[in-house]
Amino acid sequence: MKKMMQIALLIGFIVLTTATFTFAQFSAAPEQSFPFFHFGCLIIGGLIIVSLKRKYDKLYLSEAIGSFALYTTLVALFTAPVVDTLKNLFS
């Protein structure tokens, strides 16, 4: 029962983080340049982390959540609005 509860919490975190990423991209960029590839990468990455959590009992919930949070940050860094902001910041 504890394992199923942890997986449910992990899935909830992944869904909320992906929804936050989507909202940030819609508010920062026009609709024509939405990064669907990055969004798909987030979904697939979340599925991989959930499957790893289900397969390995020794993987802690905090490790899975932390790894997805870092993965989301990494994916967000390579989207067009963030790259444009960094270009303007350093130019």
PDB file of N, CA and C in Angstrom:
ATOM      1  N   MET A   1       0.825  -1.198   0.000  1.00  0.00           N
ATOM      2  CA  MET A   1       0.000   0.000   0.000  1.00  0.00           C
ATOM      3  C   MET A   1       0.868   1.261   0.000  1.00  0.00           C
ATOM      4  N   LYS A   2       1.970   1.219   0.754  1.00  0.00           N
ATOM      5  CA  LYS A   2       2.859   2.369   0.825  1.00  0.00           C
ATOM      6  C   LYS A   2       3.473   2.666  -0.546  1.00  0.00           C
ATOM      7  N   LYS A   3       3.832   1.606  -1.279  1.00  0.00           N
ATOM      8  CA  LYS A   3       4.441   1.791  -2.597  1.00  0.00           C
ATOM      9  C   LYS A   3       3.448   2.430  -3.570  1.00  0.00           C
ATOM     10  N   MET A   4       2.212   2.020  -3.552  1.00  0.00           N
ATOM     11  CA  MET A   4       1.203   2.588  -4.441  1.00  0.00           C
ATOM     12  C   MET A   4       0.928   4.058  -4.104  1.00  0.00           C
ATOM     13  N   MET A   5       0.961   4.382  -2.811  1.00  0.00           N
ATOM     14  CA  MET A   5       0.763   5.765  -2.403  1.00  0.00           C
ATOM     15  C   MET A   5       1.923   6.645  -2.881  1.00  0.00           C
ATOM     16  N   GLN A   6       3.141   6.121  -2.790  1.00  0.00           N
ATOM     17  CA  GLN A   6       4.300   6.872  -3.259  1.00  0.00           C
ATOM     18  C   GLN A   6       4.250   7.070  -4.771  1.00  0.00           C
ATOM     19  N   ILE A   7       3.838   6.056  -5.495  1.00  0.00           N
ATOM     20  CA  ILE A   7       3.730   6.177  -6.954  1.00  0.00           C
ATOM     21  C   ILE A   7       2.644   7.192  -7.320  1.00  0.00           C
ATOM     22  N   ALA A   8       1.546   7.193  -6.578  1.00  0.00           N
ATOM     23  CA  ALA A   8       0.482   8.165  -6.837  1.00  0.00           C
ATOM     24  C   ALA A   8       0.973   9.588  -6.566  1.00  0.00           C
ATOM     25  N   LEU A   9       1.733   9.781  -5.495  1.00  0.00           N
ATOM     26  CA  LEU A   9       2.299  11.098  -5.212  1.00  0.00           C
ATOM     27  C   LEU A   9       3.287  11.520  -6.290  1.00  0.00           C
ATOM     28  N   LEU A  10       4.093  10.598  -6.770  1.00  0.00           N
ATOM     29  CA  LEU A  10       5.048  10.890  -7.834  1.00  0.00           C
ATOM     30  C   LEU A  10       4.327  11.283  -9.120  1.00  0.00           C
ATOM     31  N   ILE A  11       3.291  10.549  -9.465  1.00  0.00           N
ATOM     32  CA  ILE A  11       2.516  10.876 -10.670  1.00  0.00           C
ATOM     33  C   ILE A  11       1.861  12.249 -10.526  1.00  0.00           C
ATOM     34  N   GLY A  12       1.341  12.547  -9.349  1.00  0.00           N
ATOM     35  CA  GLY A  12       0.753  13.860  -9.119  1.00  0.00           C
ATOM     36  C   GLY A  12       1.772  14.977  -9.269  1.00  0.00           C
ATOM     37  N   PHE A  13       2.976  14.777  -8.742  1.00  0.00           N
ATOM     38  CA  PHE A  13       4.031  15.777  -8.888  1.00  0.00           C
ATOM     39  C   PHE A  13       4.421  15.964 -10.349  1.00  0.00           C
ATOM     40  N   ILE A  14       4.522  14.864 -11.076  1.00  0.00           N
ATOM     41  CA  ILE A  14       4.902  14.936 -12.484  1.00  0.00           C
ATOM     42  C   ILE A  14       3.837  15.678 -13.291  1.00  0.00           C
ATOM     43  N   VAL A  15       2.581  15.401 -13.035  1.00  0.00           N
ATOM     44  CA  VAL A  15       1.493  16.070 -13.752  1.00  0.00           C
ATOM     45  C   VAL A  15       1.477  17.566 -13.432  1.00  0.00           C
ATOM     46  N   LEU A  16       1.642  17.917 -12.159  1.00  0.00           N
ATOM     47  CA  LEU A  16       1.632  19.331 -11.791  1.00  0.00           C
ATOM     48  C   LEU A  16       2.839  20.076 -12.353  1.00  0.00           C
ATOM     49  N   THR A  17       3.995  19.447 -12.349  1.00  0.00           N
ATOM     50  CA  THR A  17       5.187  20.086 -12.896  1.00  0.00           C
ATOM     51  C   THR A  17       5.071  20.271 -14.405  1.00  0.00           C
ATOM     52  N   THR A  18       4.547  19.270 -15.088  1.00  0.00           N
ATOM     53  CA  THR A  18       4.357  19.378 -16.532  1.00  0.00           C
ATOM     54  C   THR A  18       3.309  20.438 -16.865  1.00  0.00           C
ATOM     55  N   ALA A  19       2.270  20.529 -16.063  1.00  0.00           N
ATOM     56  CA  ALA A  19       1.251  21.567 -16.280  1.00  0.00           C
ATOM     57  C   ALA A  19       1.831  22.960 -16.040  1.00  0.00           C
ATOM     58  N   THR A  20       2.692  23.095 -15.057  1.00  0.00           N
ATOM     59  CA  THR A  20       3.348  24.375 -14.799  1.00  0.00           C
ATOM     60  C   THR A  20       4.254  24.766 -15.959  1.00  0.00           C
ATOM     61  N   PHE A  21       4.995  23.793 -16.496  1.00  0.00           N
ATOM     62  CA  PHE A  21       5.839  24.037 -17.665  1.00  0.00           C
ATOM     63  C   PHE A  21       4.995  24.512 -18.845  1.00  0.00           C
ATOM     64  N   THR A  22       3.875  23.855 -19.072  1.00  0.00           N
ATOM     65  CA  THR A  22       2.999  24.215 -20.185  1.00  0.00           C
ATOM     66  C   THR A  22       2.432  25.615 -20.007  1.00  0.00           C
ATOM     67  N   PHE A  23       1.992  25.935 -18.801  1.00  0.00           N
ATOM     68  CA  PHE A  23       1.455  27.272 -18.539  1.00  0.00           C
ATOM     69  C   PHE A  23       2.520  28.348 -18.744  1.00  0.00           C
ATOM     70  N   ALA A  24       3.732  28.084 -18.271  1.00  0.00           N
ATOM     71  CA  ALA A  24       4.816  29.061 -18.428  1.00  0.00           C
ATOM     72  C   ALA A  24       5.157  29.271 -19.897  1.00  0.00           C
ATOM     73  N   GLN A  25       5.143  28.205 -20.680  1.00  0.00           N
ATOM     74  CA  GLN A  25       5.455  28.347 -22.101  1.00  0.00           C
ATOM     75  C   GLN A  25       4.357  29.083 -22.853  1.00  0.00           C
ATOM     76  N   PHE A  26       3.096  28.843 -22.502  1.00  0.00           N
ATOM     77  CA  PHE A  26       2.000  29.553 -23.154  1.00  0.00           C
ATOM     78  C   PHE A  26       2.016  31.034 -22.809  1.00  0.00           C
ATOM     79  N   SER A  27       2.396  31.366 -21.580  1.00  0.00           N
ATOM     80  CA  SER A  27       2.400  32.776 -21.192  1.00  0.00           C
ATOM     81  C   SER A  27       3.638  33.508 -21.682  1.00  0.00           C
ATOM     82  N   ALA A  28       4.744  32.797 -21.951  1.00  0.00           N
ATOM     83  CA  ALA A  28       5.984  33.455 -22.354  1.00  0.00           C
ATOM     84  C   ALA A  28       6.158  33.561 -23.857  1.00  0.00           C
ATOM     85  N   ALA A  29       5.528  32.702 -24.607  1.00  0.00           N
ATOM     86  CA  ALA A  29       5.756  32.683 -26.054  1.00  0.00           C
ATOM     87  C   ALA A  29       4.410  32.667 -26.785  1.00  0.00           C
ATOM     88  N   PRO A  30       4.421  33.097 -28.044  1.00  0.00           N
ATOM     89  CA  PRO A  30       3.178  33.003 -28.827  1.00  0.00           C
ATOM     90  C   PRO A  30       2.805  31.543 -29.096  1.00  0.00           C
ATOM     91  N   GLU A  31       1.547  31.344 -29.473  1.00  0.00           N
ATOM     92  CA  GLU A  31       1.041  29.989 -29.673  1.00  0.00           C
ATOM     93  C   GLU A  31       1.757  29.236 -30.784  1.00  0.00           C
ATOM     94  N   GLN A  32       2.252  29.936 -31.783  1.00  0.00           N
ATOM     95  CA  GLN A  32       2.880  29.264 -32.918  1.00  0.00           C
ATOM     96  C   GLN A  32       4.207  28.618 -32.536  1.00  0.00           C
ATOM     97  N   SER A  33       4.837  29.091 -31.482  1.00  0.00           N
ATOM     98  CA  SER A  33       6.158  28.559 -31.135  1.00  0.00           C
ATOM     99  C   SER A  33       6.132  27.706 -29.867  1.00  0.00           C
ATOM    100  N   PHE A  34       5.009  27.058 -29.585  1.00  0.00           N
ATOM    101  CA  PHE A  34       4.963  26.197 -28.405  1.00  0.00           C
ATOM    102  C   PHE A  34       5.892  25.000 -28.626  1.00  0.00           C
ATOM    103  N   PRO A  35       6.727  24.676 -27.640  1.00  0.00           N
ATOM    104  CA  PRO A  35       7.712  23.594 -27.806  1.00  0.00           C
ATOM    105  C   PRO A  35       7.095  22.214 -27.561  1.00  0.00           C
ATOM    106  N   PHE A  36       6.432  21.678 -28.564  1.00  0.00           N
ATOM    107  CA  PHE A  36       5.790  20.374 -28.412  1.00  0.00           C
ATOM    108  C   PHE A  36       6.811  19.266 -28.195  1.00  0.00           C
ATOM    109  N   PHE A  37       7.985  19.405 -28.800  1.00  0.00           N
ATOM    110  CA  PHE A  37       9.021  18.394 -28.611  1.00  0.00           C
ATOM    111  C   PHE A  37       9.469  18.354 -27.147  1.00  0.00           C
ATOM    112  N   HIS A  38       9.648  19.520 -26.535  1.00  0.00           N
ATOM    113  CA  HIS A  38      10.051  19.579 -25.129  1.00  0.00           C
ATOM    114  C   HIS A  38       8.946  19.027 -24.225  1.00  0.00           C
ATOM    115  N   PHE A  39       7.717  19.333 -24.579  1.00  0.00           N
ATOM    116  CA  PHE A  39       6.580  18.817 -23.819  1.00  0.00           C
ATOM    117  C   PHE A  39       6.529  17.288 -23.894  1.00  0.00           C
ATOM    118  N   GLY A  40       6.759  16.741 -25.080  1.00  0.00           N
ATOM    119  CA  GLY A  40       6.800  15.286 -25.235  1.00  0.00           C
ATOM    120  C   GLY A  40       7.950  14.663 -24.467  1.00  0.00           C
ATOM    121  N   CYS A  41       9.087  15.343 -24.458  1.00  0.00           N
ATOM    122  CA  CYS A  41      10.233  14.840 -23.685  1.00  0.00           C
ATOM    123  C   CYS A  41       9.911  14.800 -22.196  1.00  0.00           C
ATOM    124  N   LEU A  42       9.186  15.801 -21.705  1.00  0.00           N
ATOM    125  CA  LEU A  42       8.793  15.788 -20.293  1.00  0.00           C
ATOM    126  C   LEU A  42       7.862  14.626 -19.987  1.00  0.00           C
ATOM    127  N   ILE A  43       6.924  14.361 -20.864  1.00  0.00           N
ATOM    128  CA  ILE A  43       5.986  13.259 -20.639  1.00  0.00           C
ATOM    129  C   ILE A  43       6.724  11.921 -20.647  1.00  0.00           C
ATOM    130  N   ILE A  44       7.580  11.722 -21.619  1.00  0.00           N
ATOM    131  CA  ILE A  44       8.325  10.454 -21.694  1.00  0.00           C
ATOM    132  C   ILE A  44       9.277  10.311 -20.512  1.00  0.00           C
ATOM    133  N   GLY A  45       9.933  11.403 -20.122  1.00  0.00           N
ATOM    134  CA  GLY A  45      10.809  11.352 -18.952  1.00  0.00           C
ATOM    135  C   GLY A  45      10.048  11.008 -17.678  1.00  0.00           C
ATOM    136  N   GLY A  46       8.844  11.568 -17.544  1.00  0.00           N
ATOM    137  CA  GLY A  46       8.012  11.238 -16.387  1.00  0.00           C
ATOM    138  C   GLY A  46       7.595   9.775 -16.378  1.00  0.00           C
ATOM    139  N   LEU A  47       7.252   9.252 -17.554  1.00  0.00           N
ATOM    140  CA  LEU A  47       6.887   7.833 -17.636  1.00  0.00           C
ATOM    141  C   LEU A  47       8.069   6.935 -17.276  1.00  0.00           C
ATOM    142  N   ILE A  48       9.262   7.318 -17.696  1.00  0.00           N
ATOM    143  CA  ILE A  48      10.449   6.514 -17.383  1.00  0.00           C
ATOM    144  C   ILE A  48      10.721   6.534 -15.885  1.00  0.00           C
ATOM    145  N   ILE A  49      10.618   7.700 -15.260  1.00  0.00           N
ATOM    146  CA  ILE A  49      10.872   7.775 -13.820  1.00  0.00           C
ATOM    147  C   ILE A  49       9.826   6.991 -13.031  1.00  0.00           C
ATOM    148  N   VAL A  50       8.571   7.049 -13.457  1.00  0.00           N
ATOM    149  CA  VAL A  50       7.529   6.262 -12.775  1.00  0.00           C
ATOM    150  C   VAL A  50       7.788   4.763 -12.941  1.00  0.00           C
ATOM    151  N   SER A  51       8.195   4.339 -14.131  1.00  0.00           N
ATOM    152  CA  SER A  51       8.465   2.911 -14.325  1.00  0.00           C
ATOM    153  C   SER A  51       9.675   2.463 -13.512  1.00  0.00           C
ATOM    154  N   LEU A  52      10.681   3.323 -13.389  1.00  0.00           N
ATOM    155  CA  LEU A  52      11.834   2.982 -12.541  1.00  0.00           C
ATOM    156  C   LEU A  52      11.426   2.887 -11.075  1.00  0.00           C
ATOM    157  N   LYS A  53      10.544   3.775 -10.631  1.00  0.00           N
ATOM    158  CA  LYS A  53      10.056   3.737  -9.249  1.00  0.00           C
ATOM    159  C   LYS A  53       9.261   2.467  -8.995  1.00  0.00           C
ATOM    160  N   ARG A  54       8.480   2.034  -9.961  1.00  0.00           N
ATOM    161  CA  ARG A  54       7.713   0.802  -9.787  1.00  0.00           C
ATOM    162  C   ARG A  54       8.594  -0.434  -9.790  1.00  0.00           C
ATOM    163  N   LYS A  55       9.680  -0.399 -10.571  1.00  0.00           N
ATOM    164  CA  LYS A  55      10.525  -1.576 -10.715  1.00  0.00           C
ATOM    165  C   LYS A  55      11.491  -1.744  -9.543  1.00  0.00           C
ATOM    166  N   TYR A  56      12.061  -0.657  -9.065  1.00  0.00           N
ATOM    167  CA  TYR A  56      13.092  -0.734  -8.023  1.00  0.00           C
ATOM    168  C   TYR A  56      12.546  -0.236  -6.695  1.00  0.00           C
ATOM    169  N   ASP A  57      12.547  -1.105  -5.720  1.00  0.00           N
ATOM    170  CA  ASP A  57      12.022  -0.759  -4.396  1.00  0.00           C
ATOM    171  C   ASP A  57      12.949   0.187  -3.637  1.00  0.00           C
ATOM    172  N   LYS A  58      14.228   0.157  -3.937  1.00  0.00           N
ATOM    173  CA  LYS A  58      15.200   0.966  -3.201  1.00  0.00           C
ATOM    174  C   LYS A  58      15.211   2.438  -3.629  1.00  0.00           C
ATOM    175  N   LEU A  59      14.499   2.779  -4.679  1.00  0.00           N
ATOM    176  CA  LEU A  59      14.450   4.170  -5.142  1.00  0.00           C
ATOM    177  C   LEU A  59      13.480   4.942  -4.251  1.00  0.00           C
ATOM    178  N   TYR A  60      14.015   5.932  -3.554  1.00  0.00           N
ATOM    179  CA  TYR A  60      13.193   6.724  -2.646  1.00  0.00           C
ATOM    180  C   TYR A  60      12.313   7.699  -3.432  1.00  0.00           C
ATOM    181  N   LEU A  61      11.222   8.093  -2.811  1.00  0.00           N
ATOM    182  CA  LEU A  61      10.303   9.041  -3.434  1.00  0.00           C
ATOM    183  C   LEU A  61      10.979  10.390  -3.648  1.00  0.00           C
ATOM    184  N   SER A  62      11.756  10.821  -2.678  1.00  0.00           N
ATOM    185  CA  SER A  62      12.436  12.115  -2.805  1.00  0.00           C
ATOM    186  C   SER A  62      13.450  12.109  -3.941  1.00  0.00           C
ATOM    187  N   GLU A  63      14.092  10.976  -4.174  1.00  0.00           N
ATOM    188  CA  GLU A  63      15.035  10.881  -5.289  1.00  0.00           C
ATOM    189  C   GLU A  63      14.323  10.979  -6.631  1.00  0.00           C
ATOM    190  N   ALA A  64      13.185  10.322  -6.741  1.00  0.00           N
ATOM    191  CA  ALA A  64      12.420  10.357  -7.992  1.00  0.00           C
ATOM    192  C   ALA A  64      11.872  11.760  -8.253  1.00  0.00           C
ATOM    193  N   ILE A  65      11.350  12.401  -7.223  1.00  0.00           N
ATOM    194  CA  ILE A  65      10.821  13.752  -7.380  1.00  0.00           C
ATOM    195  C   ILE A  65      11.945  14.722  -7.708  1.00  0.00           C
ATOM    196  N   GLY A  66      13.051  14.607  -7.022  1.00  0.00           N
ATOM    197  CA  GLY A  66      14.184  15.489  -7.284  1.00  0.00           C
ATOM    198  C   GLY A  66      14.749  15.318  -8.676  1.00  0.00           C
ATOM    199  N   SER A  67      14.832  14.083  -9.133  1.00  0.00           N
ATOM    200  CA  SER A  67      15.367  13.861 -10.476  1.00  0.00           C
ATOM    201  C   SER A  67      14.428  14.416 -11.541  1.00  0.00           C
ATOM    202  N   PHE A  68      13.126  14.306 -11.348  1.00  0.00           N
ATOM    203  CA  PHE A  68      12.209  14.880 -12.332  1.00  0.00           C
ATOM    204  C   PHE A  68      12.222  16.406 -12.285  1.00  0.00           C
ATOM    205  N   ALA A  69      12.368  16.976 -11.094  1.00  0.00           N
ATOM    206  CA  ALA A  69      12.451  18.433 -10.990  1.00  0.00           C
ATOM    207  C   ALA A  69      13.692  18.954 -11.713  1.00  0.00           C
ATOM    208  N   LEU A  70      14.817  18.276 -11.539  1.00  0.00           N
ATOM    209  CA  LEU A  70      16.036  18.687 -12.244  1.00  0.00           C
ATOM    210  C   LEU A  70      15.898  18.481 -13.746  1.00  0.00           C
ATOM    211  N   TYR A  71      15.249  17.412 -14.147  1.00  0.00           N
ATOM    212  CA  TYR A  71      15.022  17.142 -15.570  1.00  0.00           C
ATOM    213  C   TYR A  71      14.127  18.216 -16.188  1.00  0.00           C
ATOM    214  N   THR A  72      13.100  18.622 -15.464  1.00  0.00           N
ATOM    215  CA  THR A  72      12.212  19.672 -15.957  1.00  0.00           C
ATOM    216  C   THR A  72      12.967  20.990 -16.107  1.00  0.00           C
ATOM    217  N   THR A  73      13.821  21.298 -15.148  1.00  0.00           N
ATOM    218  CA  THR A  73      14.627  22.510 -15.235  1.00  0.00           C
ATOM    219  C   THR A  73      15.556  22.462 -16.441  1.00  0.00           C
ATOM    220  N   LEU A  74      16.158  21.322 -16.678  1.00  0.00           N
ATOM    221  CA  LEU A  74      17.055  21.173 -17.817  1.00  0.00           C
ATOM    222  C   LEU A  74      16.311  21.321 -19.138  1.00  0.00           C
ATOM    223  N   VAL A  75      15.153  20.729 -19.253  1.00  0.00           N
ATOM    224  CA  VAL A  75      14.362  20.843 -20.479  1.00  0.00           C
ATOM    225  C   VAL A  75      13.906  22.285 -20.675  1.00  0.00           C
ATOM    226  N   ALA A  76      13.509  22.953 -19.603  1.00  0.00           N
ATOM    227  CA  ALA A  76      13.038  24.330 -19.718  1.00  0.00           C
ATOM    228  C   ALA A  76      14.160  25.282 -20.128  1.00  0.00           C
ATOM    229  N   LEU A  77      15.383  24.977 -19.749  1.00  0.00           N
ATOM    230  CA  LEU A  77      16.503  25.846 -20.119  1.00  0.00           C
ATOM    231  C   LEU A  77      16.738  25.906 -21.618  1.00  0.00           C
ATOM    232  N   PHE A  78      16.337  24.885 -22.338  1.00  0.00           N
ATOM    233  CA  PHE A  78      16.602  24.829 -23.771  1.00  0.00           C
ATOM    234  C   PHE A  78      15.395  25.182 -24.625  1.00  0.00           C
ATOM    235  N   THR A  79      14.403  25.845 -24.049  1.00  0.00           N
ATOM    236  CA  THR A  79      13.282  26.326 -24.847  1.00  0.00           C
ATOM    237  C   THR A  79      13.600  27.719 -25.381  1.00  0.00           C
ATOM    238  N   ALA A  80      12.901  28.123 -26.399  1.00  0.00           N
ATOM    239  CA  ALA A  80      13.192  29.390 -27.084  1.00  0.00           C
ATOM    240  C   ALA A  80      13.061  30.623 -26.193  1.00  0.00           C
ATOM    241  N   PRO A  81      12.009  30.759 -25.370  1.00  0.00           N
ATOM    242  CA  PRO A  81      11.920  31.973 -24.542  1.00  0.00           C
ATOM    243  C   PRO A  81      13.085  32.113 -23.561  1.00  0.00           C
ATOM    244  N   VAL A  82      13.524  31.016 -22.983  1.00  0.00           N
ATOM    245  CA  VAL A  82      14.626  31.085 -22.024  1.00  0.00           C
ATOM    246  C   VAL A  82      15.931  31.404 -22.748  1.00  0.00           C
ATOM    247  N   VAL A  83      16.147  30.790 -23.889  1.00  0.00           N
ATOM    248  CA  VAL A  83      17.364  31.073 -24.665  1.00  0.00           C
ATOM    249  C   VAL A  83      17.381  32.531 -25.107  1.00  0.00           C
ATOM    250  N   ASP A  84      16.252  33.059 -25.567  1.00  0.00           N
ATOM    251  CA  ASP A  84      16.175  34.471 -25.970  1.00  0.00           C
ATOM    252  C   ASP A  84      16.435  35.402 -24.781  1.00  0.00           C
ATOM    253  N   THR A  85      15.897  35.057 -23.638  1.00  0.00           N
ATOM    254  CA  THR A  85      16.130  35.868 -22.438  1.00  0.00           C
ATOM    255  C   THR A  85      17.606  35.854 -22.050  1.00  0.00           C
ATOM    256  N   LEU A  86      18.223  34.691 -22.103  1.00  0.00           N
ATOM    257  CA  LEU A  86      19.650  34.615 -21.781  1.00  0.00           C
ATOM    258  C   LEU A  86      20.507  35.367 -22.794  1.00  0.00           C
ATOM    259  N   LYS A  87      20.130  35.335 -24.056  1.00  0.00           N
ATOM    260  CA  LYS A  87      20.844  36.103 -25.081  1.00  0.00           C
ATOM    261  C   LYS A  87      20.751  37.596 -24.789  1.00  0.00           C
ATOM    262  N   ASN A  88      19.550  38.068 -24.467  1.00  0.00           N
ATOM    263  CA  ASN A  88      19.372  39.489 -24.164  1.00  0.00           C
ATOM    264  C   ASN A  88      20.075  39.889 -22.876  1.00  0.00           C
ATOM    265  N   LEU A  89      20.140  38.987 -21.937  1.00  0.00           N
ATOM    266  CA  LEU A  89      20.788  39.274 -20.663  1.00  0.00           C
ATOM    267  C   LEU A  89      22.292  39.443 -20.832  1.00  0.00           C
ATOM    268  N   PHE A  90      22.903  38.589 -21.630  1.00  0.00           N
ATOM    269  CA  PHE A  90      24.354  38.619 -21.794  1.00  0.00           C
ATOM    270  C   PHE A  90      24.831  39.494 -22.954  1.00  0.00           C
ATOM    271  N   SER A  91      23.912  40.076 -23.699  1.00  0.00           N
ATOM    272  CA  SER A  91      24.318  40.947 -24.820  1.00  0.00           C
ATOM    273  C   SER A  91      24.327  42.409 -24.430  1.00  0.00           C
TER     274      SER A  91
END
